[in-house]
Amino acid sequence: VPGIDAREDVLRAVLADGEPRETTSSGHTRAL
């Protein structure tokens, strides 16, 4: 889904330190 700002920086931070995180993303998927 290239049309979404998925906040990969947040996901990599979860992988790095194990702290659960919540985030909001926006954009468009391939769904109508």
Full PDB file with SEQRES, HELIX, SHEET, SSBOND, CRYST1, ORIGX, SCALE, CONECT and MASTER records, all heavy atoms in Angstrom:
SEQRES   1 A   32  VAL PRO GLY ILE ASP ALA ARG GLU ASP VAL LEU ARG ALA          
SEQRES   2 A   32  VAL LEU ALA ASP GLY GLU PRO ARG GLU THR THR SER SER          
SEQRES   3 A   32  GLY HIS THR ARG ALA LEU                                      
HELIX    1 AA1 GLU A    8  ASP A   17  1                                  10    
CRYST1    1.000    1.000    1.000  90.00  90.00  90.00 P 1           1          
ORIGX1      1.000000  0.000000  0.000000        0.00000                         
ORIGX2      0.000000  1.000000  0.000000        0.00000                         
ORIGX3      0.000000  0.000000  1.000000        0.00000                         
SCALE1      1.000000  0.000000  0.000000        0.00000                         
SCALE2      0.000000  1.000000  0.000000        0.00000                         
SCALE3      0.000000  0.000000  1.000000        0.00000                         
ATOM      1  N   VAL A   1       0.859  -1.201   0.000  1.00  0.00           N  
ATOM      2  CA  VAL A   1       0.000   0.000   0.000  1.00  0.00           C  
ATOM      3  C   VAL A   1       0.891   1.245   0.000  1.00  0.00           C  
ATOM      4  O   VAL A   1       1.114   1.872   1.038  1.00  0.00           O  
ATOM      5  CB  VAL A   1      -0.964   0.003   1.206  1.00  0.00           C  
ATOM      6  CG1 VAL A   1      -2.158  -0.888   0.949  1.00  0.00           C  
ATOM      7  CG2 VAL A   1      -0.264  -0.445   2.484  1.00  0.00           C  
ATOM      8  N   PRO A   2       1.417   1.614  -1.153  1.00  0.00           N  
ATOM      9  CA  PRO A   2       2.356   2.759  -1.211  1.00  0.00           C  
ATOM     10  C   PRO A   2       1.722   4.100  -0.875  1.00  0.00           C  
ATOM     11  O   PRO A   2       2.432   5.067  -0.630  1.00  0.00           O  
ATOM     12  CB  PRO A   2       2.859   2.729  -2.659  1.00  0.00           C  
ATOM     13  CG  PRO A   2       1.787   2.010  -3.421  1.00  0.00           C  
ATOM     14  CD  PRO A   2       1.219   0.991  -2.483  1.00  0.00           C  
ATOM     15  N   GLY A   3       0.398   4.183  -0.834  1.00  0.00           N  
ATOM     16  CA  GLY A   3      -0.252   5.467  -0.566  1.00  0.00           C  
ATOM     17  C   GLY A   3      -0.437   5.776   0.895  1.00  0.00           C  
ATOM     18  O   GLY A   3      -1.140   6.732   1.240  1.00  0.00           O  
ATOM     19  N   ILE A   4       0.171   4.990   1.796  1.00  0.00           N  
ATOM     20  CA  ILE A   4       0.002   5.191   3.238  1.00  0.00           C  
ATOM     21  C   ILE A   4       1.320   5.622   3.861  1.00  0.00           C  
ATOM     22  O   ILE A   4       2.384   5.082   3.530  1.00  0.00           O  
ATOM     23  CB  ILE A   4      -0.482   3.893   3.916  1.00  0.00           C  
ATOM     24  CG1 ILE A   4      -1.936   3.632   3.571  1.00  0.00           C  
ATOM     25  CG2 ILE A   4      -0.347   3.976   5.433  1.00  0.00           C  
ATOM     26  CD1 ILE A   4      -2.498   2.383   4.200  1.00  0.00           C  
ATOM     27  N   ASP A   5       1.247   6.590   4.757  1.00  0.00           N  
ATOM     28  CA  ASP A   5       2.382   6.927   5.610  1.00  0.00           C  
ATOM     29  C   ASP A   5       2.327   5.965   6.798  1.00  0.00           C  
ATOM     30  O   ASP A   5       1.605   6.177   7.771  1.00  0.00           O  
ATOM     31  CB  ASP A   5       2.284   8.375   6.095  1.00  0.00           C  
ATOM     32  CG  ASP A   5       3.360   8.722   7.110  1.00  0.00           C  
ATOM     33  OD1 ASP A   5       4.325   7.936   7.235  1.00  0.00           O  
ATOM     34  OD2 ASP A   5       3.227   9.761   7.790  1.00  0.00           O  
ATOM     35  N   ALA A   6       3.063   4.860   6.702  1.00  0.00           N  
ATOM     36  CA  ALA A   6       2.940   3.771   7.684  1.00  0.00           C  
ATOM     37  C   ALA A   6       3.757   3.991   8.946  1.00  0.00           C  
ATOM     38  O   ALA A   6       3.736   3.140   9.845  1.00  0.00           O  
ATOM     39  CB  ALA A   6       3.361   2.451   7.035  1.00  0.00           C  
ATOM     40  N   ARG A   7       4.486   5.091   9.056  1.00  0.00           N  
ATOM     41  CA  ARG A   7       5.307   5.384  10.244  1.00  0.00           C  
ATOM     42  C   ARG A   7       6.258   4.236  10.553  1.00  0.00           C  
ATOM     43  O   ARG A   7       6.286   3.677  11.648  1.00  0.00           O  
ATOM     44  CB  ARG A   7       4.422   5.694  11.441  1.00  0.00           C  
ATOM     45  CG  ARG A   7       3.551   6.922  11.309  1.00  0.00           C  
ATOM     46  CD  ARG A   7       4.372   8.185  11.056  1.00  0.00           C  
ATOM     47  NE  ARG A   7       5.397   8.388  12.054  1.00  0.00           N  
ATOM     48  CZ  ARG A   7       5.201   9.023  13.205  1.00  0.00           C  
ATOM     49  NH1 ARG A   7       3.997   9.510  13.471  1.00  0.00           N  
ATOM     50  NH2 ARG A   7       6.196   9.188  14.058  1.00  0.00           N  
ATOM     51  N   GLU A   8       7.048   3.858   9.551  1.00  0.00           N  
ATOM     52  CA  GLU A   8       7.995   2.765   9.762  1.00  0.00           C  
ATOM     53  C   GLU A   8       9.004   3.084  10.853  1.00  0.00           C  
ATOM     54  O   GLU A   8       9.553   2.167  11.475  1.00  0.00           O  
ATOM     55  CB  GLU A   8       8.715   2.441   8.449  1.00  0.00           C  
ATOM     56  CG  GLU A   8       7.826   1.746   7.433  1.00  0.00           C  
ATOM     57  CD  GLU A   8       8.624   1.173   6.272  1.00  0.00           C  
ATOM     58  OE1 GLU A   8       9.876   1.212   6.343  1.00  0.00           O  
ATOM     59  OE2 GLU A   8       8.009   0.679   5.313  1.00  0.00           O  
ATOM     60  N   ASP A   9       9.236   4.388  11.115  1.00  0.00           N  
ATOM     61  CA  ASP A   9      10.157   4.746  12.194  1.00  0.00           C  
ATOM     62  C   ASP A   9       9.642   4.245  13.532  1.00  0.00           C  
ATOM     63  O   ASP A   9      10.417   3.784  14.393  1.00  0.00           O  
ATOM     64  CB  ASP A   9      10.352   6.266  12.234  1.00  0.00           C  
ATOM     65  CG  ASP A   9       9.046   7.027  12.381  1.00  0.00           C  
ATOM     66  OD1 ASP A   9       8.019   6.571  11.847  1.00  0.00           O  
ATOM     67  OD2 ASP A   9       9.051   8.092  13.031  1.00  0.00           O  
ATOM     68  N   VAL A  10       8.309   4.292  13.727  1.00  0.00           N  
ATOM     69  CA  VAL A  10       7.722   3.799  14.973  1.00  0.00           C  
ATOM     70  C   VAL A  10       7.855   2.282  15.054  1.00  0.00           C  
ATOM     71  O   VAL A  10       8.196   1.720  16.101  1.00  0.00           O  
ATOM     72  CB  VAL A  10       6.242   4.224  15.061  1.00  0.00           C  
ATOM     73  CG1 VAL A  10       5.580   3.613  16.301  1.00  0.00           C  
ATOM     74  CG2 VAL A  10       6.131   5.740  15.093  1.00  0.00           C  
ATOM     75  N   LEU A  11       7.604   1.599  13.935  1.00  0.00           N  
ATOM     76  CA  LEU A  11       7.700   0.144  13.933  1.00  0.00           C  
ATOM     77  C   LEU A  11       9.127  -0.328  14.228  1.00  0.00           C  
ATOM     78  O   LEU A  11       9.334  -1.283  14.980  1.00  0.00           O  
ATOM     79  CB  LEU A  11       7.235  -0.408  12.583  1.00  0.00           C  
ATOM     80  CG  LEU A  11       5.853   0.041  12.073  1.00  0.00           C  
ATOM     81  CD1 LEU A  11       5.437  -0.757  10.844  1.00  0.00           C  
ATOM     82  CD2 LEU A  11       4.802  -0.090  13.156  1.00  0.00           C  
ATOM     83  N   ARG A  12      10.092   0.345  13.656  1.00  0.00           N  
ATOM     84  CA  ARG A  12      11.486  -0.052  13.921  1.00  0.00           C  
ATOM     85  C   ARG A  12      11.879   0.226  15.370  1.00  0.00           C  
ATOM     86  O   ARG A  12      12.690  -0.502  15.951  1.00  0.00           O  
ATOM     87  CB  ARG A  12      12.425   0.677  12.956  1.00  0.00           C  
ATOM     88  CG  ARG A  12      12.208   0.272  11.505  1.00  0.00           C  
ATOM     89  CD  ARG A  12      13.294   0.789  10.573  1.00  0.00           C  
ATOM     90  NE  ARG A  12      12.971   0.514   9.193  1.00  0.00           N  
ATOM     91  CZ  ARG A  12      13.114  -0.682   8.607  1.00  0.00           C  
ATOM     92  NH1 ARG A  12      13.598  -1.702   9.303  1.00  0.00           N  
ATOM     93  NH2 ARG A  12      12.794  -0.838   7.334  1.00  0.00           N  
ATOM     94  N   ALA A  13      11.308   1.277  15.970  1.00  0.00           N  
ATOM     95  CA  ALA A  13      11.577   1.547  17.383  1.00  0.00           C  
ATOM     96  C   ALA A  13      11.023   0.430  18.258  1.00  0.00           C  
ATOM     97  O   ALA A  13      11.655   0.024  19.251  1.00  0.00           O  
ATOM     98  CB  ALA A  13      10.962   2.892  17.784  1.00  0.00           C  
ATOM     99  N   VAL A  14       9.844  -0.131  17.903  1.00  0.00           N  
ATOM    100  CA  VAL A  14       9.279  -1.260  18.654  1.00  0.00           C  
ATOM    101  C   VAL A  14      10.207  -2.460  18.554  1.00  0.00           C  
ATOM    102  O   VAL A  14      10.481  -3.157  19.550  1.00  0.00           O  
ATOM    103  CB  VAL A  14       7.874  -1.602  18.130  1.00  0.00           C  
ATOM    104  CG1 VAL A  14       7.350  -2.879  18.799  1.00  0.00           C  
ATOM    105  CG2 VAL A  14       6.912  -0.450  18.378  1.00  0.00           C  
ATOM    106  N   LEU A  15      10.708  -2.740  17.355  1.00  0.00           N  
ATOM    107  CA  LEU A  15      11.647  -3.848  17.182  1.00  0.00           C  
ATOM    108  C   LEU A  15      12.923  -3.628  17.989  1.00  0.00           C  
ATOM    109  O   LEU A  15      13.496  -4.574  18.549  1.00  0.00           O  
ATOM    110  CB  LEU A  15      12.003  -4.004  15.701  1.00  0.00           C  
ATOM    111  CG  LEU A  15      10.912  -4.555  14.776  1.00  0.00           C  
ATOM    112  CD1 LEU A  15      11.358  -4.449  13.321  1.00  0.00           C  
ATOM    113  CD2 LEU A  15      10.584  -6.006  15.121  1.00  0.00           C  
ATOM    114  N   ALA A  16      13.369  -2.386  18.070  1.00  0.00           N  
ATOM    115  CA  ALA A  16      14.654  -2.092  18.717  1.00  0.00           C  
ATOM    116  C   ALA A  16      14.596  -2.230  20.226  1.00  0.00           C  
ATOM    117  O   ALA A  16      15.494  -2.823  20.837  1.00  0.00           O  
ATOM    118  CB  ALA A  16      15.119  -0.690  18.334  1.00  0.00           C  
ATOM    119  N   ASP A  17      13.549  -1.669  20.871  1.00  0.00           N  
ATOM    120  CA  ASP A  17      13.555  -1.657  22.343  1.00  0.00           C  
ATOM    121  C   ASP A  17      12.444  -2.479  22.993  1.00  0.00           C  
ATOM    122  O   ASP A  17      12.386  -2.612  24.210  1.00  0.00           O  
ATOM    123  CB  ASP A  17      13.490  -0.214  22.856  1.00  0.00           C  
ATOM    124  CG  ASP A  17      12.228   0.527  22.420  1.00  0.00           C  
ATOM    125  OD1 ASP A  17      11.235  -0.122  22.070  1.00  0.00           O  
ATOM    126  OD2 ASP A  17      12.257   1.778  22.430  1.00  0.00           O  
ATOM    127  N   GLY A  18      11.548  -3.014  22.180  1.00  0.00           N  
ATOM    128  CA  GLY A  18      10.507  -3.868  22.741  1.00  0.00           C  
ATOM    129  C   GLY A  18       9.374  -3.143  23.420  1.00  0.00           C  
ATOM    130  O   GLY A  18       8.467  -3.790  23.960  1.00  0.00           O  
ATOM    131  N   GLU A  19       9.385  -1.814  23.395  1.00  0.00           N  
ATOM    132  CA  GLU A  19       8.313  -1.045  24.025  1.00  0.00           C  
ATOM    133  C   GLU A  19       7.116  -0.969  23.084  1.00  0.00           C  
ATOM    134  O   GLU A  19       7.257  -0.516  21.945  1.00  0.00           O  
ATOM    135  CB  GLU A  19       8.791   0.368  24.359  1.00  0.00           C  
ATOM    136  CG  GLU A  19       9.811   0.442  25.476  1.00  0.00           C  
ATOM    137  CD  GLU A  19       9.212   0.066  26.817  1.00  0.00           C  
ATOM    138  OE1 GLU A  19       8.004   0.338  27.033  1.00  0.00           O  
ATOM    139  OE2 GLU A  19       9.933  -0.506  27.647  1.00  0.00           O  
ATOM    140  N   PRO A  20       5.925  -1.406  23.517  1.00  0.00           N  
ATOM    141  CA  PRO A  20       4.744  -1.271  22.660  1.00  0.00           C  
ATOM    142  C   PRO A  20       4.471   0.202  22.352  1.00  0.00           C  
ATOM    143  O   PRO A  20       4.709   1.074  23.177  1.00  0.00           O  
ATOM    144  CB  PRO A  20       3.617  -1.874  23.513  1.00  0.00           C  
ATOM    145  CG  PRO A  20       4.302  -2.712  24.543  1.00  0.00           C  
ATOM    146  CD  PRO A  20       5.610  -2.042  24.811  1.00  0.00           C  
ATOM    147  N   ARG A  21       3.977   0.452  21.153  1.00  0.00           N  
ATOM    148  CA  ARG A  21       3.681   1.827  20.755  1.00  0.00           C  
ATOM    149  C   ARG A  21       2.388   1.880  19.969  1.00  0.00           C  
ATOM    150  O   ARG A  21       1.999   0.900  19.314  1.00  0.00           O  
ATOM    151  CB  ARG A  21       4.823   2.403  19.901  1.00  0.00           C  
ATOM    152  CG  ARG A  21       6.086   2.725  20.686  1.00  0.00           C  
ATOM    153  CD  ARG A  21       7.187   3.188  19.737  1.00  0.00           C  
ATOM    154  NE  ARG A  21       8.340   3.698  20.441  1.00  0.00           N  
ATOM    155  CZ  ARG A  21       9.293   2.924  20.954  1.00  0.00           C  
ATOM    156  NH1 ARG A  21       9.211   1.615  20.856  1.00  0.00           N  
ATOM    157  NH2 ARG A  21      10.340   3.468  21.577  1.00  0.00           N  
ATOM    158  N   GLU A  22       1.737   3.044  20.038  1.00  0.00           N  
ATOM    159  CA  GLU A  22       0.551   3.312  19.244  1.00  0.00           C  
ATOM    160  C   GLU A  22       0.844   4.489  18.324  1.00  0.00           C  
ATOM    161  O   GLU A  22       1.593   5.401  18.685  1.00  0.00           O  
ATOM    162  CB  GLU A  22      -0.648   3.626  20.137  1.00  0.00           C  
ATOM    163  CG  GLU A  22      -1.060   2.467  21.032  1.00  0.00           C  
ATOM    164  CD  GLU A  22      -2.325   2.756  21.821  1.00  0.00           C  
ATOM    165  OE1 GLU A  22      -3.056   3.686  21.435  1.00  0.00           O  
ATOM    166  OE2 GLU A  22      -2.575   2.054  22.812  1.00  0.00           O  
ATOM    167  N   THR A  23       0.241   4.455  17.141  1.00  0.00           N  
ATOM    168  CA  THR A  23       0.474   5.544  16.205  1.00  0.00           C  
ATOM    169  C   THR A  23      -0.719   5.673  15.261  1.00  0.00           C  
ATOM    170  O   THR A  23      -1.522   4.742  15.120  1.00  0.00           O  
ATOM    171  CB  THR A  23       1.763   5.308  15.382  1.00  0.00           C  
ATOM    172  OG1 THR A  23       2.012   6.450  14.563  1.00  0.00           O  
ATOM    173  CG2 THR A  23       1.620   4.094  14.481  1.00  0.00           C  
ATOM    174  N   THR A  24      -0.851   6.822  14.652  1.00  0.00           N  
ATOM    175  CA  THR A  24      -1.903   7.066  13.672  1.00  0.00           C  
ATOM    176  C   THR A  24      -1.264   7.257  12.301  1.00  0.00           C  
ATOM    177  O   THR A  24      -0.288   8.003  12.164  1.00  0.00           O  
ATOM    178  CB  THR A  24      -2.719   8.321  14.041  1.00  0.00           C  
ATOM    179  OG1 THR A  24      -3.340   8.103  15.305  1.00  0.00           O  
ATOM    180  CG2 THR A  24      -3.797   8.590  13.005  1.00  0.00           C  
ATOM    181  N   SER A  25      -1.798   6.571  11.306  1.00  0.00           N  
ATOM    182  CA  SER A  25      -1.302   6.720   9.945  1.00  0.00           C  
ATOM    183  C   SER A  25      -2.466   7.161   9.052  1.00  0.00           C  
ATOM    184  O   SER A  25      -3.638   7.031   9.419  1.00  0.00           O  
ATOM    185  CB  SER A  25      -0.696   5.417   9.428  1.00  0.00           C  
ATOM    186  OG  SER A  25      -1.638   4.356   9.526  1.00  0.00           O  
ATOM    187  N   SER A  26      -2.150   7.677   7.889  1.00  0.00           N  
ATOM    188  CA  SER A  26      -3.198   8.165   6.998  1.00  0.00           C  
ATOM    189  C   SER A  26      -2.768   8.013   5.556  1.00  0.00           C  
ATOM    190  O   SER A  26      -1.589   7.788   5.253  1.00  0.00           O  
ATOM    191  CB  SER A  26      -3.505   9.633   7.303  1.00  0.00           C  
ATOM    192  OG  SER A  26      -2.395  10.444   6.971  1.00  0.00           O  
ATOM    193  N   GLY A  27      -3.745   8.146   4.664  1.00  0.00           N  
ATOM    194  CA  GLY A  27      -3.472   8.051   3.241  1.00  0.00           C  
ATOM    195  C   GLY A  27      -4.559   7.272   2.545  1.00  0.00           C  
ATOM    196  O   GLY A  27      -5.729   7.304   2.938  1.00  0.00           O  
ATOM    197  N   HIS A  28      -4.172   6.517   1.501  1.00  0.00           N  
ATOM    198  CA  HIS A  28      -5.119   5.709   0.730  1.00  0.00           C  
ATOM    199  C   HIS A  28      -4.531   4.331   0.493  1.00  0.00           C  
ATOM    200  O   HIS A  28      -3.338   4.188   0.212  1.00  0.00           O  
ATOM    201  CB  HIS A  28      -5.434   6.356  -0.616  1.00  0.00           C  
ATOM    202  CG  HIS A  28      -6.314   7.566  -0.490  1.00  0.00           C  
ATOM    203  ND1 HIS A  28      -7.657   7.482  -0.231  1.00  0.00           N  
ATOM    204  CD2 HIS A  28      -6.029   8.896  -0.573  1.00  0.00           C  
ATOM    205  CE1 HIS A  28      -8.169   8.691  -0.163  1.00  0.00           C  
ATOM    206  NE2 HIS A  28      -7.202   9.578  -0.368  1.00  0.00           N  
ATOM    207  N   THR A  29      -5.367   3.315   0.630  1.00  0.00           N  
ATOM    208  CA  THR A  29      -4.974   1.957   0.267  1.00  0.00           C  
ATOM    209  C   THR A  29      -5.510   1.673  -1.137  1.00  0.00           C  
ATOM    210  O   THR A  29      -6.032   2.555  -1.827  1.00  0.00           O  
ATOM    211  CB  THR A  29      -5.535   0.939   1.274  1.00  0.00           C  
ATOM    212  OG1 THR A  29      -6.972   0.917   1.155  1.00  0.00           O  
ATOM    213  CG2 THR A  29      -5.157   1.327   2.697  1.00  0.00           C  
ATOM    214  N   ARG A  30      -5.432   0.388  -1.542  1.00  0.00           N  
ATOM    215  CA  ARG A  30      -5.959   0.012  -2.860  1.00  0.00           C  
ATOM    216  C   ARG A  30      -7.470  -0.238  -2.824  1.00  0.00           C  
ATOM    217  O   ARG A  30      -8.084  -0.470  -3.867  1.00  0.00           O  
ATOM    218  CB  ARG A  30      -5.217  -1.233  -3.365  1.00  0.00           C  
ATOM    219  CG  ARG A  30      -3.709  -1.004  -3.528  1.00  0.00           C  
ATOM    220  CD  ARG A  30      -3.035  -2.263  -4.043  1.00  0.00           C  
ATOM    221  NE  ARG A  30      -1.583  -2.155  -3.983  1.00  0.00           N  
ATOM    222  CZ  ARG A  30      -0.818  -1.631  -4.942  1.00  0.00           C  
ATOM    223  NH1 ARG A  30      -1.400  -1.138  -6.032  1.00  0.00           N  
ATOM    224  NH2 ARG A  30       0.487  -1.581  -4.802  1.00  0.00           N  
ATOM    225  N   ALA A  31      -8.049  -0.190  -1.619  1.00  0.00           N  
ATOM    226  CA  ALA A  31      -9.492  -0.366  -1.501  1.00  0.00           C  
ATOM    227  C   ALA A  31     -10.206   0.900  -1.961  1.00  0.00           C  
ATOM    228  O   ALA A  31      -9.735   2.020  -1.715  1.00  0.00           O  
ATOM    229  CB  ALA A  31      -9.865  -0.688  -0.061  1.00  0.00           C  
ATOM    230  N   LEU A  32     -11.352   0.711  -2.612  1.00  0.00           N  
ATOM    231  CA  LEU A  32     -12.116   1.860  -3.087  1.00  0.00           C  
ATOM    232  C   LEU A  32     -12.697   2.622  -1.900  1.00  0.00           C  
ATOM    233  O   LEU A  32     -13.151   2.023  -0.921  1.00  0.00           O  
ATOM    234  CB  LEU A  32     -13.241   1.394  -4.023  1.00  0.00           C  
ATOM    235  CG  LEU A  32     -12.797   0.749  -5.350  1.00  0.00           C  
ATOM    236  CD1 LEU A  32     -14.016   0.262  -6.128  1.00  0.00           C  
ATOM    237  CD2 LEU A  32     -11.971   1.732  -6.175  1.00  0.00           C  
TER     238      LEU A  32                                                      
MASTER        0    0    0    1    0    0    0    6  237    1    0    3          
END                                                                             
